[in-house]
Amino acid sequence: AGKLMLLSVIVWHGTMVAFAASHSFYLSLSIQLLTGMAFSSTQVMMLTVVLRTTLPEFRGRIMGLRSMAIYSFTFGSMNSGAIAGAWGAPLAANINAAIGIALVGALALFTPKLRRA
């Protein structure tokens, strides 16, 4: 599940780059469908890894922390909106994608236990 999660994060952010470069409505719509599927896969795989690697007596607490982390997406979206307003939506999407891919790359590199989860 760990490798699938890493792959789905890369696909999710990769589709953001493709969406930013697209000038066709129907192509953009198709890319957004793939983006949503990759995002959903990421969330499912993340939860799977968390629950598989957490001791049963701590799962409730960990789920609470995960819920708090999901709520923080709003703050990232506000930052993306500010970047899009200042420099344009394609650049904001590319910055988000680059940061996401870099962070998941670092995570994969420095946490071998995650790859084996």
PDB file of N, CA and C in Angstrom:
ATOM      1  N   ALA A   1       0.814  -1.194   0.000  1.00  0.00           N
ATOM      2  CA  ALA A   1       0.000   0.000   0.000  1.00  0.00           C
ATOM      3  C   ALA A   1       0.859   1.260   0.000  1.00  0.00           C
ATOM      4  N   GLY A   2       2.042   1.193   0.618  1.00  0.00           N
ATOM      5  CA  GLY A   2       2.913   2.361   0.676  1.00  0.00           C
ATOM      6  C   GLY A   2       3.390   2.805  -0.694  1.00  0.00           C
ATOM      7  N   LYS A   3       3.818   1.838  -1.503  1.00  0.00           N
ATOM      8  CA  LYS A   3       4.277   2.179  -2.856  1.00  0.00           C
ATOM      9  C   LYS A   3       3.128   2.708  -3.709  1.00  0.00           C
ATOM     10  N   LEU A   4       1.956   2.113  -3.562  1.00  0.00           N
ATOM     11  CA  LEU A   4       0.788   2.602  -4.305  1.00  0.00           C
ATOM     12  C   LEU A   4       0.417   4.018  -3.885  1.00  0.00           C
ATOM     13  N   MET A   5       0.562   4.313  -2.597  1.00  0.00           N
ATOM     14  CA  MET A   5       0.269   5.663  -2.128  1.00  0.00           C
ATOM     15  C   MET A   5       1.248   6.659  -2.744  1.00  0.00           C
ATOM     16  N   LEU A   6       2.523   6.325  -2.737  1.00  0.00           N
ATOM     17  CA  LEU A   6       3.523   7.216  -3.324  1.00  0.00           C
ATOM     18  C   LEU A   6       3.245   7.428  -4.810  1.00  0.00           C
ATOM     19  N   LEU A   7       2.903   6.358  -5.507  1.00  0.00           N
ATOM     20  CA  LEU A   7       2.586   6.466  -6.931  1.00  0.00           C
ATOM     21  C   LEU A   7       1.348   7.327  -7.160  1.00  0.00           C
ATOM     22  N   SER A   8       0.323   7.140  -6.352  1.00  0.00           N
ATOM     23  CA  SER A   8      -0.899   7.924  -6.551  1.00  0.00           C
ATOM     24  C   SER A   8      -0.665   9.406  -6.267  1.00  0.00           C
ATOM     25  N   VAL A   9       0.215   9.725  -5.323  1.00  0.00           N
ATOM     26  CA  VAL A   9       0.542  11.136  -5.069  1.00  0.00           C
ATOM     27  C   VAL A   9       1.259  11.735  -6.272  1.00  0.00           C
ATOM     28  N   ILE A  10       2.174  10.979  -6.860  1.00  0.00           N
ATOM     29  CA  ILE A  10       2.897  11.471  -8.037  1.00  0.00           C
ATOM     30  C   ILE A  10       1.937  11.658  -9.209  1.00  0.00           C
ATOM     31  N   VAL A  11       1.033  10.712  -9.420  1.00  0.00           N
ATOM     32  CA  VAL A  11       0.043  10.843 -10.501  1.00  0.00           C
ATOM     33  C   VAL A  11      -0.859  12.043 -10.242  1.00  0.00           C
ATOM     34  N   TRP A  12      -1.310  12.207  -9.006  1.00  0.00           N
ATOM     35  CA  TRP A  12      -2.171  13.331  -8.635  1.00  0.00           C
ATOM     36  C   TRP A  12      -1.507  14.656  -8.986  1.00  0.00           C
ATOM     37  N   HIS A  13      -0.264  14.823  -8.577  1.00  0.00           N
ATOM     38  CA  HIS A  13       0.422  16.089  -8.853  1.00  0.00           C
ATOM     39  C   HIS A  13       0.839  16.204 -10.321  1.00  0.00           C
ATOM     40  N   GLY A  14       1.118  15.083 -10.949  1.00  0.00           N
ATOM     41  CA  GLY A  14       1.426  15.112 -12.381  1.00  0.00           C
ATOM     42  C   GLY A  14       0.242  15.572 -13.217  1.00  0.00           C
ATOM     43  N   THR A  15      -0.956  15.159 -12.817  1.00  0.00           N
ATOM     44  CA  THR A  15      -2.137  15.611 -13.557  1.00  0.00           C
ATOM     45  C   THR A  15      -2.385  17.102 -13.349  1.00  0.00           C
ATOM     46  N   MET A  16      -1.909  17.640 -12.240  1.00  0.00           N
ATOM     47  CA  MET A  16      -2.021  19.088 -12.027  1.00  0.00           C
ATOM     48  C   MET A  16      -1.173  19.846 -13.049  1.00  0.00           C
ATOM     49  N   VAL A  17       0.006  19.320 -13.346  1.00  0.00           N
ATOM     50  CA  VAL A  17       0.872  19.938 -14.362  1.00  0.00           C
ATOM     51  C   VAL A  17       0.203  19.858 -15.726  1.00  0.00           C
ATOM     52  N   ALA A  18      -0.357  18.694 -16.044  1.00  0.00           N
ATOM     53  CA  ALA A  18      -1.042  18.533 -17.333  1.00  0.00           C
ATOM     54  C   ALA A  18      -2.236  19.474 -17.432  1.00  0.00           C
ATOM     55  N   PHE A  19      -2.983  19.621 -16.350  1.00  0.00           N
ATOM     56  CA  PHE A  19      -4.133  20.522 -16.341  1.00  0.00           C
ATOM     57  C   PHE A  19      -3.692  21.967 -16.556  1.00  0.00           C
ATOM     58  N   ALA A  20      -2.609  22.357 -15.925  1.00  0.00           N
ATOM     59  CA  ALA A  20      -2.115  23.732 -16.061  1.00  0.00           C
ATOM     60  C   ALA A  20      -1.685  24.031 -17.491  1.00  0.00           C
ATOM     61  N   ALA A  21      -1.220  23.012 -18.210  1.00  0.00           N
ATOM     62  CA  ALA A  21      -0.747  23.213 -19.580  1.00  0.00           C
ATOM     63  C   ALA A  21      -1.857  23.089 -20.620  1.00  0.00           C
ATOM     64  N   SER A  22      -2.996  22.563 -20.233  1.00  0.00           N
ATOM     65  CA  SER A  22      -4.074  22.305 -21.187  1.00  0.00           C
ATOM     66  C   SER A  22      -4.813  23.584 -21.576  1.00  0.00           C
ATOM     67  N   HIS A  23      -5.161  23.660 -22.864  1.00  0.00           N
ATOM     68  CA  HIS A  23      -5.950  24.787 -23.371  1.00  0.00           C
ATOM     69  C   HIS A  23      -7.292  24.324 -23.935  1.00  0.00           C
ATOM     70  N   SER A  24      -7.558  23.035 -23.850  1.00  0.00           N
ATOM     71  CA  SER A  24      -8.794  22.463 -24.364  1.00  0.00           C
ATOM     72  C   SER A  24      -9.735  22.151 -23.203  1.00  0.00           C
ATOM     73  N   PHE A  25     -10.981  22.576 -23.333  1.00  0.00           N
ATOM     74  CA  PHE A  25     -11.961  22.341 -22.271  1.00  0.00           C
ATOM     75  C   PHE A  25     -12.151  20.849 -22.020  1.00  0.00           C
ATOM     76  N   TYR A  26     -12.346  20.077 -23.079  1.00  0.00           N
ATOM     77  CA  TYR A  26     -12.630  18.651 -22.905  1.00  0.00           C
ATOM     78  C   TYR A  26     -11.408  17.885 -22.410  1.00  0.00           C
ATOM     79  N   LEU A  27     -10.229  18.283 -22.856  1.00  0.00           N
ATOM     80  CA  LEU A  27      -9.016  17.666 -22.330  1.00  0.00           C
ATOM     81  C   LEU A  27      -8.859  18.010 -20.846  1.00  0.00           C
ATOM     82  N   SER A  28      -9.111  19.267 -20.500  1.00  0.00           N
ATOM     83  CA  SER A  28      -9.029  19.689 -19.097  1.00  0.00           C
ATOM     84  C   SER A  28     -10.024  18.928 -18.235  1.00  0.00           C
ATOM     85  N   LEU A  29     -11.214  18.718 -18.760  1.00  0.00           N
ATOM     86  CA  LEU A  29     -12.235  17.969 -18.032  1.00  0.00           C
ATOM     87  C   LEU A  29     -11.775  16.533 -17.778  1.00  0.00           C
ATOM     88  N   SER A  30     -11.176  15.924 -18.789  1.00  0.00           N
ATOM     89  CA  SER A  30     -10.660  14.558 -18.642  1.00  0.00           C
ATOM     90  C   SER A  30      -9.519  14.507 -17.634  1.00  0.00           C
ATOM     91  N   ILE A  31      -8.654  15.502 -17.694  1.00  0.00           N
ATOM     92  CA  ILE A  31      -7.529  15.554 -16.753  1.00  0.00           C
ATOM     93  C   ILE A  31      -8.043  15.728 -15.323  1.00  0.00           C
ATOM     94  N   GLN A  32      -9.071  16.550 -15.156  1.00  0.00           N
ATOM     95  CA  GLN A  32      -9.635  16.746 -13.821  1.00  0.00           C
ATOM     96  C   GLN A  32     -10.257  15.455 -13.282  1.00  0.00           C
ATOM     97  N   LEU A  33     -10.836  14.657 -14.159  1.00  0.00           N
ATOM     98  CA  LEU A  33     -11.359  13.357 -13.748  1.00  0.00           C
ATOM     99  C   LEU A  33     -10.223  12.485 -13.213  1.00  0.00           C
ATOM    100  N   LEU A  34      -9.105  12.461 -13.941  1.00  0.00           N
ATOM    101  CA  LEU A  34      -7.941  11.694 -13.488  1.00  0.00           C
ATOM    102  C   LEU A  34      -7.374  12.258 -12.189  1.00  0.00           C
ATOM    103  N   THR A  35      -7.372  13.586 -12.073  1.00  0.00           N
ATOM    104  CA  THR A  35      -6.879  14.223 -10.847  1.00  0.00           C
ATOM    105  C   THR A  35      -7.720  13.790  -9.651  1.00  0.00           C
ATOM    106  N   GLY A  36      -9.019  13.806  -9.814  1.00  0.00           N
ATOM    107  CA  GLY A  36      -9.904  13.385  -8.729  1.00  0.00           C
ATOM    108  C   GLY A  36      -9.708  11.929  -8.356  1.00  0.00           C
ATOM    109  N   MET A  37      -9.517  11.080  -9.358  1.00  0.00           N
ATOM    110  CA  MET A  37      -9.288   9.661  -9.084  1.00  0.00           C
ATOM    111  C   MET A  37      -7.968   9.462  -8.343  1.00  0.00           C
ATOM    112  N   ALA A  38      -6.935  10.180  -8.768  1.00  0.00           N
ATOM    113  CA  ALA A  38      -5.634  10.053  -8.109  1.00  0.00           C
ATOM    114  C   ALA A  38      -5.692  10.594  -6.680  1.00  0.00           C
ATOM    115  N   PHE A  39      -6.396  11.714  -6.497  1.00  0.00           N
ATOM    116  CA  PHE A  39      -6.532  12.276  -5.148  1.00  0.00           C
ATOM    117  C   PHE A  39      -7.274  11.299  -4.239  1.00  0.00           C
ATOM    118  N   SER A  40      -8.358  10.734  -4.736  1.00  0.00           N
ATOM    119  CA  SER A  40      -9.123   9.764  -3.941  1.00  0.00           C
ATOM    120  C   SER A  40      -8.271   8.549  -3.606  1.00  0.00           C
ATOM    121  N   SER A  41      -7.520   8.067  -4.587  1.00  0.00           N
ATOM    122  CA  SER A  41      -6.631   6.927  -4.349  1.00  0.00           C
ATOM    123  C   SER A  41      -5.595   7.266  -3.291  1.00  0.00           C
ATOM    124  N   THR A  42      -5.064   8.478  -3.362  1.00  0.00           N
ATOM    125  CA  THR A  42      -4.083   8.914  -2.372  1.00  0.00           C
ATOM    126  C   THR A  42      -4.672   8.868  -0.971  1.00  0.00           C
ATOM    127  N   GLN A  43      -5.870   9.390  -0.817  1.00  0.00           N
ATOM    128  CA  GLN A  43      -6.491   9.432   0.508  1.00  0.00           C
ATOM    129  C   GLN A  43      -6.783   8.024   1.036  1.00  0.00           C
ATOM    130  N   VAL A  44      -7.262   7.148   0.168  1.00  0.00           N
ATOM    131  CA  VAL A  44      -7.552   5.768   0.587  1.00  0.00           C
ATOM    132  C   VAL A  44      -6.266   5.044   0.970  1.00  0.00           C
ATOM    133  N   MET A  45      -5.233   5.186   0.147  1.00  0.00           N
ATOM    134  CA  MET A  45      -3.960   4.521   0.441  1.00  0.00           C
ATOM    135  C   MET A  45      -3.325   5.084   1.710  1.00  0.00           C
ATOM    136  N   MET A  46      -3.441   6.392   1.906  1.00  0.00           N
ATOM    137  CA  MET A  46      -2.888   7.014   3.106  1.00  0.00           C
ATOM    138  C   MET A  46      -3.560   6.445   4.357  1.00  0.00           C
ATOM    139  N   LEU A  47      -4.870   6.350   4.318  1.00  0.00           N
ATOM    140  CA  LEU A  47      -5.601   5.800   5.458  1.00  0.00           C
ATOM    141  C   LEU A  47      -5.239   4.332   5.675  1.00  0.00           C
ATOM    142  N   THR A  48      -5.082   3.589   4.591  1.00  0.00           N
ATOM    143  CA  THR A  48      -4.701   2.182   4.692  1.00  0.00           C
ATOM    144  C   THR A  48      -3.350   2.037   5.371  1.00  0.00           C
ATOM    145  N   VAL A  49      -2.378   2.831   4.939  1.00  0.00           N
ATOM    146  CA  VAL A  49      -1.038   2.765   5.529  1.00  0.00           C
ATOM    147  C   VAL A  49      -1.083   3.158   7.002  1.00  0.00           C
ATOM    148  N   VAL A  50      -1.804   4.222   7.307  1.00  0.00           N
ATOM    149  CA  VAL A  50      -1.890   4.679   8.701  1.00  0.00           C
ATOM    150  C   VAL A  50      -2.506   3.599   9.582  1.00  0.00           C
ATOM    151  N   LEU A  51      -3.597   3.014   9.148  1.00  0.00           N
ATOM    152  CA  LEU A  51      -4.266   2.010   9.978  1.00  0.00           C
ATOM    153  C   LEU A  51      -3.484   0.704  10.063  1.00  0.00           C
ATOM    154  N   ARG A  52      -2.742   0.367   9.019  1.00  0.00           N
ATOM    155  CA  ARG A  52      -1.948  -0.868   9.056  1.00  0.00           C
ATOM    156  C   ARG A  52      -0.740  -0.742   9.970  1.00  0.00           C
ATOM    157  N   THR A  53      -0.211   0.466  10.108  1.00  0.00           N
ATOM    158  CA  THR A  53       1.023   0.639  10.872  1.00  0.00           C
ATOM    159  C   THR A  53       0.797   1.164  12.290  1.00  0.00           C
ATOM    160  N   THR A  54      -0.444   1.415  12.659  1.00  0.00           N
ATOM    161  CA  THR A  54      -0.761   1.950  13.985  1.00  0.00           C
ATOM    162  C   THR A  54      -1.251   0.829  14.898  1.00  0.00           C
ATOM    163  N   LEU A  55      -0.781   0.853  16.124  1.00  0.00           N
ATOM    164  CA  LEU A  55      -1.270  -0.116  17.106  1.00  0.00           C
ATOM    165  C   LEU A  55      -2.761   0.111  17.336  1.00  0.00           C
ATOM    166  N   PRO A  56      -3.517  -0.962  17.534  1.00  0.00           N
ATOM    167  CA  PRO A  56      -4.974  -0.824  17.686  1.00  0.00           C
ATOM    168  C   PRO A  56      -5.401   0.169  18.770  1.00  0.00           C
ATOM    169  N   GLU A  57      -4.672   0.229  19.868  1.00  0.00           N
ATOM    170  CA  GLU A  57      -5.081   1.123  20.953  1.00  0.00           C
ATOM    171  C   GLU A  57      -4.858   2.604  20.641  1.00  0.00           C
ATOM    172  N   PHE A  58      -4.118   2.898  19.564  1.00  0.00           N
ATOM    173  CA  PHE A  58      -3.864   4.294  19.185  1.00  0.00           C
ATOM    174  C   PHE A  58      -4.621   4.725  17.932  1.00  0.00           C
ATOM    175  N   ARG A  59      -5.368   3.845  17.324  1.00  0.00           N
ATOM    176  CA  ARG A  59      -6.026   4.166  16.048  1.00  0.00           C
ATOM    177  C   ARG A  59      -7.011   5.318  16.152  1.00  0.00           C
ATOM    178  N   GLY A  60      -7.777   5.397  17.214  1.00  0.00           N
ATOM    179  CA  GLY A  60      -8.724   6.501  17.380  1.00  0.00           C
ATOM    180  C   GLY A  60      -8.017   7.838  17.445  1.00  0.00           C
ATOM    181  N   ARG A  61      -6.926   7.891  18.188  1.00  0.00           N
ATOM    182  CA  ARG A  61      -6.158   9.137  18.298  1.00  0.00           C
ATOM    183  C   ARG A  61      -5.547   9.524  16.958  1.00  0.00           C
ATOM    184  N   ILE A  62      -5.022   8.533  16.271  1.00  0.00           N
ATOM    185  CA  ILE A  62      -4.400   8.793  14.974  1.00  0.00           C
ATOM    186  C   ILE A  62      -5.440   9.275  13.971  1.00  0.00           C
ATOM    187  N   MET A  63      -6.634   8.707  14.007  1.00  0.00           N
ATOM    188  CA  MET A  63      -7.697   9.159  13.099  1.00  0.00           C
ATOM    189  C   MET A  63      -8.083  10.605  13.404  1.00  0.00           C
ATOM    190  N   GLY A  64      -8.066  10.983  14.677  1.00  0.00           N
ATOM    191  CA  GLY A  64      -8.330  12.370  15.044  1.00  0.00           C
ATOM    192  C   GLY A  64      -7.272  13.302  14.481  1.00  0.00           C
ATOM    193  N   LEU A  65      -6.010  12.905  14.575  1.00  0.00           N
ATOM    194  CA  LEU A  65      -4.927  13.714  14.005  1.00  0.00           C
ATOM    195  C   LEU A  65      -5.046  13.803  12.489  1.00  0.00           C
ATOM    196  N   ARG A  66      -5.427  12.708  11.867  1.00  0.00           N
ATOM    197  CA  ARG A  66      -5.596  12.714  10.412  1.00  0.00           C
ATOM    198  C   ARG A  66      -6.717  13.663  10.007  1.00  0.00           C
ATOM    199  N   SER A  67      -7.790  13.672  10.767  1.00  0.00           N
ATOM    200  CA  SER A  67      -8.892  14.598  10.475  1.00  0.00           C
ATOM    201  C   SER A  67      -8.426  16.040  10.574  1.00  0.00           C
ATOM    202  N   MET A  68      -7.614  16.336  11.575  1.00  0.00           N
ATOM    203  CA  MET A  68      -7.080  17.694  11.704  1.00  0.00           C
ATOM    204  C   MET A  68      -6.186  18.036  10.514  1.00  0.00           C
ATOM    205  N   ALA A  69      -5.427  17.065  10.024  1.00  0.00           N
ATOM    206  CA  ALA A  69      -4.569  17.307   8.867  1.00  0.00           C
ATOM    207  C   ALA A  69      -5.400  17.592   7.619  1.00  0.00           C
ATOM    208  N   ILE A  70      -6.522  16.902   7.461  1.00  0.00           N
ATOM    209  CA  ILE A  70      -7.391  17.133   6.308  1.00  0.00           C
ATOM    210  C   ILE A  70      -7.959  18.545   6.348  1.00  0.00           C
ATOM    211  N   TYR A  71      -8.304  19.029   7.536  1.00  0.00           N
ATOM    212  CA  TYR A  71      -8.836  20.390   7.653  1.00  0.00           C
ATOM    213  C   TYR A  71      -7.802  21.433   7.234  1.00  0.00           C
ATOM    214  N   SER A  72      -6.518  21.094   7.313  1.00  0.00           N
ATOM    215  CA  SER A  72      -5.482  22.061   6.937  1.00  0.00           C
ATOM    216  C   SER A  72      -5.392  22.254   5.425  1.00  0.00           C
ATOM    217  N   PHE A  73      -6.054  21.405   4.632  1.00  0.00           N
ATOM    218  CA  PHE A  73      -6.072  21.607   3.177  1.00  0.00           C
ATOM    219  C   PHE A  73      -6.596  22.998   2.827  1.00  0.00           C
ATOM    220  N   THR A  74      -7.497  23.505   3.639  1.00  0.00           N
ATOM    221  CA  THR A  74      -8.079  24.823   3.394  1.00  0.00           C
ATOM    222  C   THR A  74      -7.012  25.902   3.378  1.00  0.00           C
ATOM    223  N   PHE A  75      -6.058  25.812   4.297  1.00  0.00           N
ATOM    224  CA  PHE A  75      -5.004  26.824   4.346  1.00  0.00           C
ATOM    225  C   PHE A  75      -4.103  26.739   3.119  1.00  0.00           C
ATOM    226  N   GLY A  76      -3.823  25.536   2.662  1.00  0.00           N
ATOM    227  CA  GLY A  76      -3.052  25.380   1.435  1.00  0.00           C
ATOM    228  C   GLY A  76      -3.791  25.933   0.235  1.00  0.00           C
ATOM    229  N   SER A  77      -5.095  25.743   0.209  1.00  0.00           N
ATOM    230  CA  SER A  77      -5.901  26.281  -0.888  1.00  0.00           C
ATOM    231  C   SER A  77      -5.909  27.801  -0.875  1.00  0.00           C
ATOM    232  N   MET A  78      -5.918  28.391   0.313  1.00  0.00           N
ATOM    233  CA  MET A  78      -5.864  29.855   0.399  1.00  0.00           C
ATOM    234  C   MET A  78      -4.537  30.376  -0.150  1.00  0.00           C
ATOM    235  N   ASN A  79      -3.455  29.694   0.166  1.00  0.00           N
ATOM    236  CA  ASN A  79      -2.150  30.091  -0.370  1.00  0.00           C
ATOM    237  C   ASN A  79      -2.120  29.941  -1.884  1.00  0.00           C
ATOM    238  N   SER A  80      -2.685  28.862  -2.383  1.00  0.00           N
ATOM    239  CA  SER A  80      -2.732  28.646  -3.830  1.00  0.00           C
ATOM    240  C   SER A  80      -3.545  29.734  -4.508  1.00  0.00           C
ATOM    241  N   GLY A  81      -4.638  30.129  -3.885  1.00  0.00           N
ATOM    242  CA  GLY A  81      -5.460  31.205  -4.432  1.00  0.00           C
ATOM    243  C   GLY A  81      -4.711  32.519  -4.477  1.00  0.00           C
ATOM    244  N   ALA A  82      -3.933  32.797  -3.448  1.00  0.00           N
ATOM    245  CA  ALA A  82      -3.139  34.025  -3.430  1.00  0.00           C
ATOM    246  C   ALA A  82      -2.086  34.005  -4.535  1.00  0.00           C
ATOM    247  N   ILE A  83      -1.440  32.871  -4.723  1.00  0.00           N
ATOM    248  CA  ILE A  83      -0.440  32.744  -5.792  1.00  0.00           C
ATOM    249  C   ILE A  83      -1.114  32.878  -7.147  1.00  0.00           C
ATOM    250  N   ALA A  84      -2.259  32.236  -7.314  1.00  0.00           N
ATOM    251  CA  ALA A  84      -2.990  32.320  -8.588  1.00  0.00           C
ATOM    252  C   ALA A  84      -3.416  33.753  -8.867  1.00  0.00           C
ATOM    253  N   GLY A  85      -3.847  34.469  -7.839  1.00  0.00           N
ATOM    254  CA  GLY A  85      -4.256  35.854  -8.024  1.00  0.00           C
ATOM    255  C   GLY A  85      -3.098  36.755  -8.415  1.00  0.00           C
ATOM    256  N   ALA A  86      -1.938  36.468  -7.871  1.00  0.00           N
ATOM    257  CA  ALA A  86      -0.770  37.310  -8.142  1.00  0.00           C
ATOM    258  C   ALA A  86      -0.077  36.953  -9.453  1.00  0.00           C
ATOM    259  N   TRP A  87       0.080  35.669  -9.742  1.00  0.00           N
ATOM    260  CA  TRP A  87       0.883  35.256 -10.895  1.00  0.00           C
ATOM    261  C   TRP A  87       0.160  34.363 -11.894  1.00  0.00           C
ATOM    262  N   GLY A  88      -1.080  34.015 -11.633  1.00  0.00           N
ATOM    263  CA  GLY A  88      -1.844  33.200 -12.572  1.00  0.00           C
ATOM    264  C   GLY A  88      -2.043  31.775 -12.076  1.00  0.00           C
ATOM    265  N   ALA A  89      -3.168  31.204 -12.475  1.00  0.00           N
ATOM    266  CA  ALA A  89      -3.536  29.858 -12.036  1.00  0.00           C
ATOM    267  C   ALA A  89      -2.587  28.768 -12.537  1.00  0.00           C
ATOM    268  N   PRO A  90      -2.116  28.824 -13.799  1.00  0.00           N
ATOM    269  CA  PRO A  90      -1.198  27.768 -14.233  1.00  0.00           C
ATOM    270  C   PRO A  90       0.082  27.710 -13.400  1.00  0.00           C
ATOM    271  N   LEU A  91       0.628  28.869 -13.066  1.00  0.00           N
ATOM    272  CA  LEU A  91       1.838  28.877 -12.244  1.00  0.00           C
ATOM    273  C   LEU A  91       1.541  28.333 -10.844  1.00  0.00           C
ATOM    274  N   ALA A  92       0.406  28.705 -10.291  1.00  0.00           N
ATOM    275  CA  ALA A  92       0.027  28.195  -8.967  1.00  0.00           C
ATOM    276  C   ALA A  92      -0.103  26.674  -8.991  1.00  0.00           C
ATOM    277  N   ALA A  93      -0.719  26.136 -10.032  1.00  0.00           N
ATOM    278  CA  ALA A  93      -0.864  24.676 -10.146  1.00  0.00           C
ATOM    279  C   ALA A  93       0.496  24.005 -10.287  1.00  0.00           C
ATOM    280  N   ASN A  94       1.383  24.601 -11.068  1.00  0.00           N
ATOM    281  CA  ASN A  94       2.718  24.030 -11.244  1.00  0.00           C
ATOM    282  C   ASN A  94       3.534  24.095  -9.955  1.00  0.00           C
ATOM    283  N   ILE A  95       3.403  25.180  -9.211  1.00  0.00           N
ATOM    284  CA  ILE A  95       4.106  25.281  -7.926  1.00  0.00           C
ATOM    285  C   ILE A  95       3.585  24.222  -6.964  1.00  0.00           C
ATOM    286  N   ASN A  96       2.266  24.076  -6.885  1.00  0.00           N
ATOM    287  CA  ASN A  96       1.677  23.035  -6.027  1.00  0.00           C
ATOM    288  C   ASN A  96       2.176  21.653  -6.423  1.00  0.00           C
ATOM    289  N   ALA A  97       2.197  21.393  -7.714  1.00  0.00           N
ATOM    290  CA  ALA A  97       2.631  20.082  -8.197  1.00  0.00           C
ATOM    291  C   ALA A  97       4.101  19.838  -7.874  1.00  0.00           C
ATOM    292  N   ALA A  98       4.932  20.842  -8.097  1.00  0.00           N
ATOM    293  CA  ALA A  98       6.364  20.690  -7.828  1.00  0.00           C
ATOM    294  C   ALA A  98       6.616  20.438  -6.341  1.00  0.00           C
ATOM    295  N   ILE A  99       5.938  21.187  -5.495  1.00  0.00           N
ATOM    296  CA  ILE A  99       6.105  20.995  -4.049  1.00  0.00           C
ATOM    297  C   ILE A  99       5.604  19.614  -3.639  1.00  0.00           C
ATOM    298  N   GLY A 100       4.454  19.201  -4.165  1.00  0.00           N
ATOM    299  CA  GLY A 100       3.908  17.889  -3.824  1.00  0.00           C
ATOM    300  C   GLY A 100       4.819  16.751  -4.243  1.00  0.00           C
ATOM    301  N   ILE A 101       5.344  16.821  -5.454  1.00  0.00           N
ATOM    302  CA  ILE A 101       6.230  15.758  -5.941  1.00  0.00           C
ATOM    303  C   ILE A 101       7.543  15.762  -5.168  1.00  0.00           C
ATOM    304  N   ALA A 102       8.077  16.950  -4.872  1.00  0.00           N
ATOM    305  CA  ALA A 102       9.322  17.032  -4.097  1.00  0.00           C
ATOM    306  C   ALA A 102       9.133  16.460  -2.693  1.00  0.00           C
ATOM    307  N   LEU A 103       8.028  16.798  -2.055  1.00  0.00           N
ATOM    308  CA  LEU A 103       7.790  16.296  -0.698  1.00  0.00           C
ATOM    309  C   LEU A 103       7.571  14.789  -0.671  1.00  0.00           C
ATOM    310  N   VAL A 104       6.838  14.258  -1.642  1.00  0.00           N
ATOM    311  CA  VAL A 104       6.630  12.804  -1.647  1.00  0.00           C
ATOM    312  C   VAL A 104       7.934  12.090  -2.018  1.00  0.00           C
ATOM    313  N   GLY A 105       8.760  12.719  -2.837  1.00  0.00           N
ATOM    314  CA  GLY A 105      10.077  12.147  -3.132  1.00  0.00           C
ATOM    315  C   GLY A 105      10.946  12.082  -1.887  1.00  0.00           C
ATOM    316  N   ALA A 106      10.950  13.163  -1.111  1.00  0.00           N
ATOM    317  CA  ALA A 106      11.706  13.178   0.144  1.00  0.00           C
ATOM    318  C   ALA A 106      11.149  12.151   1.122  1.00  0.00           C
ATOM    319  N   LEU A 107       9.838  12.050   1.184  1.00  0.00           N
ATOM    320  CA  LEU A 107       9.197  11.074   2.064  1.00  0.00           C
ATOM    321  C   LEU A 107       9.592   9.653   1.666  1.00  0.00           C
ATOM    322  N   ALA A 108       9.586   9.380   0.381  1.00  0.00           N
ATOM    323  CA  ALA A 108       9.961   8.044  -0.098  1.00  0.00           C
ATOM    324  C   ALA A 108      11.432   7.750   0.186  1.00  0.00           C
ATOM    325  N   LEU A 109      12.257   8.775   0.065  1.00  0.00           N
ATOM    326  CA  LEU A 109      13.694   8.604   0.265  1.00  0.00           C
ATOM    327  C   LEU A 109      14.045   8.378   1.736  1.00  0.00           C
ATOM    328  N   PHE A 110      13.432   9.157   2.613  1.00  0.00           N
ATOM    329  CA  PHE A 110      13.827   9.135   4.018  1.00  0.00           C
ATOM    330  C   PHE A 110      12.993   8.215   4.905  1.00  0.00           C
ATOM    331  N   THR A 111      11.948   7.611   4.370  1.00  0.00           N
ATOM    332  CA  THR A 111      11.134   6.690   5.175  1.00  0.00           C
ATOM    333  C   THR A 111      10.947   5.365   4.437  1.00  0.00           C
ATOM    334  N   PRO A 112      11.975   4.533   4.452  1.00  0.00           N
ATOM    335  CA  PRO A 112      11.858   3.245   3.759  1.00  0.00           C
ATOM    336  C   PRO A 112      10.744   2.368   4.330  1.00  0.00           C
ATOM    337  N   LYS A 113      10.394   2.572   5.597  1.00  0.00           N
ATOM    338  CA  LYS A 113       9.296   1.797   6.196  1.00  0.00           C
ATOM    339  C   LYS A 113       7.983   2.076   5.471  1.00  0.00           C
ATOM    340  N   LEU A 114       7.814   3.299   4.980  1.00  0.00           N
ATOM    341  CA  LEU A 114       6.598   3.651   4.246  1.00  0.00           C
ATOM    342  C   LEU A 114       6.504   2.858   2.946  1.00  0.00           C
ATOM    343  N   ARG A 115       7.613   2.713   2.253  1.00  0.00           N
ATOM    344  CA  ARG A 115       7.598   1.952   0.996  1.00  0.00           C
ATOM    345  C   ARG A 115       7.233   0.494   1.236  1.00  0.00           C
ATOM    346  N   ARG A 116       7.585  -0.020   2.399  1.00  0.00           N
ATOM    347  CA  ARG A 116       7.306  -1.426   2.711  1.00  0.00           C
ATOM    348  C   ARG A 116       5.948  -1.634   3.360  1.00  0.00           C
ATOM    349  N   ALA A 117       5.246  -0.549   3.688  1.00  0.00           N
ATOM    350  CA  ALA A 117       3.961  -0.672   4.403  1.00  0.00           C
ATOM    351  C   ALA A 117       2.901  -1.308   3.535  1.00  0.00           C
TER     352      ALA A 117
END
